Amino acid sequence: MKRRSLFSLALALAAGLSFSLSAAPGARADGLETVMSSGTLRVAVPQDFPPFGSVGSDMAPQGYDIDMAKLIAEKLGVKVDIVPVTSANRIPYLQTNKVDLVISSLGKNPERDAVIDFSDPYAPFYNGVFAPADLEISAVEDLSGKTVGVTRGSIEDLELTKIAPEDATLKRYEDNNGTISAFLSGQVDAVATGNVVAAAIIEKNPPKRPEPKFLIKNSPCYVGMNENEPELMAKVNEIIAEAKSDGSLNAISEKWLGIPLPAEL
């Protein structure tokens, strides 16, 4: 075969390889284009983690994350397809294209950040000290002389033990229900717990509502999406920013957590 013929064959093979790579199943449009063209936003949400996601008495999904998914779909002008997931399968559902977004009380850590991308935070998720409005507490030093209920072995128990004043009394209970009961019955002045547990106390409509006094550990929730989807990322962040500005995100927080959206979010 002549040299010129060999060269032409090599060019043809290279062109064919380039075409096959560009048409490979892994190559896809940005997620926003996919959502808009399909007219449906598929969202992974929690199925057993109230108040972020659970099944209501009508057997329909309900919670903070479900309302957030509906808000984003509404702003995009598309339908929402709610896909209940567990903590273990929410990221695999995203990576295998079963959903477009994960809105499932998802915190950010280095392991997750290595495989997916995160929006700006949309929901508070933290451990802190909660107490009635008339109890003046703004820092750990203010716990001096006070009794604080905690769930034994929890993050707040471990962290508060390190920093609490010597004359503060930490009363430990075996589970969150015990900590909740201690607050409701007035056995403790304050509780160190998560904002989700505080929401469970508020739901019981006690005469003295637990209000956040200071944070122990902050780990807000983010919307998860596949890597390298800049248009989808920009649009989701735009919707979150608008929802914070116009008060609609605060309304969701008040509805499901019983407290306003933290200013620092």
Protein backbone atom coordinates (compact mmCIF):
# COMPACT_ATOMS: atom_id res chain seq x y z
CA MET A 1 0.00 0.00 0.00
CA LYS A 2 1.33 3.43 -0.93
CA ARG A 3 2.35 5.88 1.79
CA ARG A 4 -0.39 8.33 0.73
CA SER A 5 -3.05 5.63 1.05
CA LEU A 6 -1.81 4.69 4.51
CA PHE A 7 -1.98 8.32 5.59
CA SER A 8 -5.57 8.66 4.30
CA LEU A 9 -6.60 5.50 6.15
CA ALA A 10 -5.12 6.82 9.39
CA LEU A 11 -7.06 10.08 9.04
CA ALA A 12 -10.29 8.16 8.41
CA LEU A 13 -9.76 5.99 11.48
CA ALA A 14 -9.03 9.03 13.64
CA ALA A 15 -12.17 10.76 12.40
CA GLY A 16 -14.23 7.65 13.14
CA LEU A 17 -12.80 7.38 16.63
CA SER A 18 -13.55 11.04 17.31
CA PHE A 19 -17.15 10.58 16.17
CA SER A 20 -17.65 7.47 18.32
CA LEU A 21 -16.30 9.22 21.40
CA SER A 22 -18.54 12.24 20.91
CA ALA A 23 -21.54 9.94 20.53
CA ALA A 24 -20.64 7.79 23.52
CA PRO A 25 -23.35 7.22 26.14
CA GLY A 26 -21.34 9.16 28.74
CA ALA A 27 -21.46 12.35 26.71
CA ARG A 28 -24.58 14.39 27.56
CA ALA A 29 -25.93 17.89 27.60
CA ASP A 30 -25.88 20.05 30.70
CA GLY A 31 -28.50 18.93 33.22
CA LEU A 32 -30.53 22.12 32.84
CA GLU A 33 -31.01 21.51 29.10
CA THR A 34 -32.12 17.94 29.84
CA VAL A 35 -34.67 19.08 32.42
CA MET A 36 -36.08 21.84 30.25
CA SER A 37 -36.40 19.62 27.19
CA SER A 38 -38.10 16.82 29.16
CA GLY A 39 -40.37 19.20 31.06
CA THR A 40 -39.76 17.29 34.29
CA LEU A 41 -37.35 17.75 37.20
CA ARG A 42 -36.54 14.45 38.92
CA VAL A 43 -35.54 15.01 42.54
CA ALA A 44 -34.27 12.54 45.14
CA VAL A 45 -35.83 13.34 48.53
CA PRO A 46 -35.72 11.68 51.97
CA GLN A 47 -38.50 9.23 52.77
CA ASP A 48 -38.06 8.73 56.52
CA PHE A 49 -36.38 11.81 57.96
CA PRO A 50 -38.97 14.30 59.24
CA PRO A 51 -39.27 17.23 59.05
CA PHE A 52 -37.12 17.15 55.88
CA GLY A 53 -38.99 14.29 54.27
CA SER A 54 -41.56 11.70 55.30
CA VAL A 55 -44.91 10.24 54.24
CA GLY A 56 -48.00 12.14 55.32
CA SER A 57 -51.36 10.74 56.40
CA ASP A 58 -52.46 10.91 52.76
CA MET A 59 -49.42 8.75 51.85
CA ALA A 60 -47.88 11.62 49.88
CA PRO A 61 -44.30 12.81 50.53
CA GLN A 62 -44.08 15.89 52.71
CA GLY A 63 -41.39 18.00 54.36
CA TYR A 64 -38.86 20.79 53.95
CA ASP A 65 -37.00 19.05 51.11
CA ILE A 66 -40.19 18.21 49.23
CA ASP A 67 -41.29 21.86 49.37
CA MET A 68 -37.82 22.89 48.19
CA ALA A 69 -38.01 20.49 45.23
CA LYS A 70 -41.43 21.86 44.29
CA LEU A 71 -40.15 25.43 44.56
CA ILE A 72 -37.24 24.81 42.18
CA ALA A 73 -39.47 23.00 39.68
CA GLU A 74 -42.02 25.83 39.83
CA LYS A 75 -39.33 28.45 39.17
CA LEU A 76 -38.05 26.39 36.23
CA GLY A 77 -41.58 26.06 34.88
CA VAL A 78 -41.49 22.25 34.79
CA LYS A 79 -43.21 19.36 36.56
CA VAL A 80 -41.56 17.75 39.57
CA ASP A 81 -41.03 14.01 39.91
CA ILE A 82 -40.43 13.21 43.60
CA VAL A 83 -38.17 10.15 44.01
CA PRO A 84 -37.94 8.88 47.63
CA VAL A 85 -34.43 7.65 48.52
CA THR A 86 -32.39 6.54 51.52
CA SER A 87 -29.15 8.10 52.74
CA ALA A 88 -27.23 5.22 51.14
CA ASN A 89 -28.65 5.43 47.63
CA ARG A 90 -29.28 9.15 47.10
CA ILE A 91 -25.86 9.84 45.49
CA PRO A 92 -25.85 6.62 43.39
CA TYR A 93 -29.29 7.62 42.04
CA LEU A 94 -27.76 10.89 40.88
CA GLN A 95 -24.66 9.28 39.36
CA THR A 96 -26.71 6.70 37.43
CA ASN A 97 -29.04 9.38 36.03
CA LYS A 98 -32.13 8.23 37.92
CA VAL A 99 -32.56 11.81 39.20
CA ASP A 100 -31.45 15.30 38.18
CA LEU A 101 -30.97 16.69 41.70
CA VAL A 102 -30.59 15.43 45.26
CA ILE A 103 -32.52 17.47 47.82
CA SER A 104 -32.25 15.12 50.77
CA SER A 105 -30.80 16.86 53.86
CA LEU A 106 -27.44 16.49 52.11
CA GLY A 107 -24.41 17.83 53.95
CA LYS A 108 -21.09 18.61 52.31
CA ASN A 109 -17.90 16.67 53.10
CA PRO A 110 -14.67 15.97 51.18
CA GLU A 111 -15.74 12.47 50.11
CA ARG A 112 -19.00 13.68 48.56
CA ASP A 113 -17.38 16.80 47.14
CA ALA A 114 -14.99 14.57 45.18
CA VAL A 115 -17.82 12.92 43.19
CA ILE A 116 -20.68 15.47 42.95
CA ASP A 117 -21.19 19.23 43.04
CA PHE A 118 -23.11 21.27 45.61
CA SER A 119 -25.32 24.34 45.35
CA ASP A 120 -25.36 27.17 47.84
CA PRO A 121 -26.95 26.08 51.17
CA TYR A 122 -30.75 26.10 51.29
CA ALA A 123 -31.57 24.70 54.75
CA PRO A 124 -30.13 24.92 58.26
CA PHE A 125 -28.88 21.73 59.87
CA TYR A 126 -26.95 22.24 63.07
CA ASN A 127 -26.40 21.27 66.66
CA GLY A 128 -26.80 23.99 69.24
CA VAL A 129 -28.16 25.03 72.59
CA PHE A 130 -31.89 25.78 72.72
CA ALA A 131 -33.81 27.40 75.57
CA PRO A 132 -36.95 29.48 76.21
CA ALA A 133 -36.93 33.11 75.08
CA ASP A 134 -36.78 34.46 78.64
CA LEU A 135 -33.51 32.64 79.40
CA GLU A 136 -30.59 34.87 78.45
CA ILE A 137 -27.97 32.67 76.80
CA SER A 138 -25.80 33.74 73.89
CA ALA A 139 -22.54 31.86 74.48
CA VAL A 140 -21.28 28.76 76.26
CA GLU A 141 -20.17 30.85 79.25
CA ASP A 142 -23.82 31.71 79.91
CA LEU A 143 -24.50 28.06 80.79
CA SER A 144 -22.80 28.65 84.12
CA GLY A 145 -25.07 27.43 86.92
CA LYS A 146 -27.64 26.03 84.50
CA THR A 147 -28.83 22.49 83.78
CA VAL A 148 -28.62 21.35 80.15
CA GLY A 149 -30.21 18.20 78.75
CA VAL A 150 -28.32 16.21 76.10
CA THR A 151 -28.68 12.85 74.41
CA ARG A 152 -25.92 10.56 75.65
CA GLY A 153 -23.09 10.07 73.14
CA SER A 154 -24.45 12.56 70.61
CA ILE A 155 -22.25 15.12 68.85
CA GLU A 156 -23.61 17.86 71.07
CA ASP A 157 -22.88 15.78 74.18
CA LEU A 158 -19.27 15.21 73.15
CA GLU A 159 -18.64 18.78 72.03
CA LEU A 160 -20.40 20.52 74.91
CA THR A 161 -18.58 18.34 77.46
CA LYS A 162 -15.31 19.85 76.20
CA ILE A 163 -16.33 23.49 76.59
CA ALA A 164 -19.09 23.76 79.22
CA PRO A 165 -18.34 25.73 82.41
CA GLU A 166 -17.45 23.59 85.42
CA ASP A 167 -20.59 24.63 87.29
CA ALA A 168 -22.92 23.76 84.38
CA THR A 169 -24.82 20.50 84.86
CA LEU A 170 -25.18 18.23 81.83
CA LYS A 171 -28.05 15.77 82.30
CA ARG A 172 -27.70 12.90 79.84
CA TYR A 173 -30.65 10.94 78.45
CA GLU A 174 -30.53 7.68 76.54
CA ASP A 175 -32.31 8.93 73.42
CA ASN A 176 -33.81 12.04 71.84
CA ASN A 177 -37.25 11.24 73.24
CA GLY A 178 -35.80 11.40 76.75
CA THR A 179 -34.16 14.75 76.00
CA ILE A 180 -37.41 16.09 74.55
CA SER A 181 -39.39 14.95 77.59
CA ALA A 182 -36.87 16.57 79.94
CA PHE A 183 -37.36 19.93 78.26
CA LEU A 184 -41.16 19.64 78.12
CA SER A 185 -41.38 18.72 81.80
CA GLY A 186 -39.04 21.48 82.95
CA GLN A 187 -36.34 19.11 84.26
CA VAL A 188 -33.68 21.16 82.48
CA ASP A 189 -33.15 24.84 81.74
CA ALA A 190 -31.95 24.22 78.20
CA VAL A 191 -31.18 21.42 75.75
CA ALA A 192 -28.19 20.86 73.53
CA THR A 193 -29.50 19.12 70.44
CA GLY A 194 -30.02 19.33 66.69
CA ASN A 195 -32.45 21.73 65.07
CA VAL A 196 -34.45 18.73 63.84
CA VAL A 197 -35.02 17.56 67.44
CA ALA A 198 -35.85 21.13 68.46
CA ALA A 199 -38.47 21.14 65.69
CA ALA A 200 -39.98 17.98 67.22
CA ILE A 201 -40.29 19.82 70.55
CA ILE A 202 -41.87 22.87 68.92
CA GLU A 203 -44.41 20.62 67.16
CA LYS A 204 -45.75 19.62 70.59
CA ASN A 205 -46.65 23.28 71.18
CA PRO A 206 -45.09 23.58 74.66
CA PRO A 207 -45.78 26.61 76.89
CA LYS A 208 -42.10 27.52 76.55
CA ARG A 209 -40.72 27.06 73.04
CA PRO A 210 -37.05 26.18 72.57
CA GLU A 211 -35.26 28.98 70.70
CA PRO A 212 -31.72 28.69 69.28
CA LYS A 213 -29.19 30.40 71.54
CA PHE A 214 -25.82 29.48 70.00
CA LEU A 215 -24.35 26.94 67.60
CA ILE A 216 -22.17 23.99 68.55
CA LYS A 217 -21.67 22.51 65.09
CA ASN A 218 -23.01 23.82 61.79
CA SER A 219 -23.62 21.57 58.75
CA PRO A 220 -26.22 23.13 56.41
CA CYS A 221 -27.98 21.24 53.63
CA TYR A 222 -27.13 21.63 49.95
CA VAL A 223 -28.68 20.60 46.65
CA GLY A 224 -26.51 17.91 45.04
CA MET A 225 -26.00 17.58 41.28
CA ASN A 226 -23.63 15.84 38.90
CA GLU A 227 -20.26 17.42 38.27
CA ASN A 228 -19.65 19.84 35.39
CA GLU A 229 -23.18 21.15 34.99
CA PRO A 230 -22.55 24.91 35.20
CA GLU A 231 -25.88 26.02 33.73
CA LEU A 232 -27.89 23.87 36.13
CA MET A 233 -25.72 25.01 39.05
CA ALA A 234 -26.15 28.68 38.17
CA LYS A 235 -29.93 28.34 37.84
CA VAL A 236 -30.38 26.43 41.11
CA ASN A 237 -28.24 28.99 42.96
CA GLU A 238 -30.24 31.81 41.39
CA ILE A 239 -33.49 30.24 42.62
CA ILE A 240 -32.08 29.71 46.13
CA ALA A 241 -30.88 33.33 46.31
CA GLU A 242 -34.26 34.63 45.14
CA ALA A 243 -36.09 32.41 47.65
CA LYS A 244 -33.94 33.78 50.47
CA SER A 245 -34.53 37.34 49.31
CA ASP A 246 -38.30 37.17 48.85
CA GLY A 247 -38.97 35.24 52.07
CA SER A 248 -40.27 32.03 50.50
CA LEU A 249 -37.38 29.98 51.91
CA ASN A 250 -37.95 31.48 55.35
CA ALA A 251 -41.60 30.43 55.09
CA ILE A 252 -40.52 26.83 54.43
CA SER A 253 -38.20 26.95 57.47
CA GLU A 254 -40.96 28.36 59.68
CA LYS A 255 -43.40 25.72 58.41
CA TRP A 256 -41.20 22.65 58.97
CA LEU A 257 -38.60 23.68 61.56
CA GLY A 258 -40.69 26.15 63.55
CA ILE A 259 -37.91 28.76 63.48
CA PRO A 260 -36.80 31.46 61.04
CA LEU A 261 -34.08 30.82 58.52
CA PRO A 262 -30.76 31.70 60.21
CA ALA A 263 -29.32 34.99 58.96
CA GLU A 264 -25.90 33.40 58.39
CA LEU A 265 -27.37 30.92 55.88
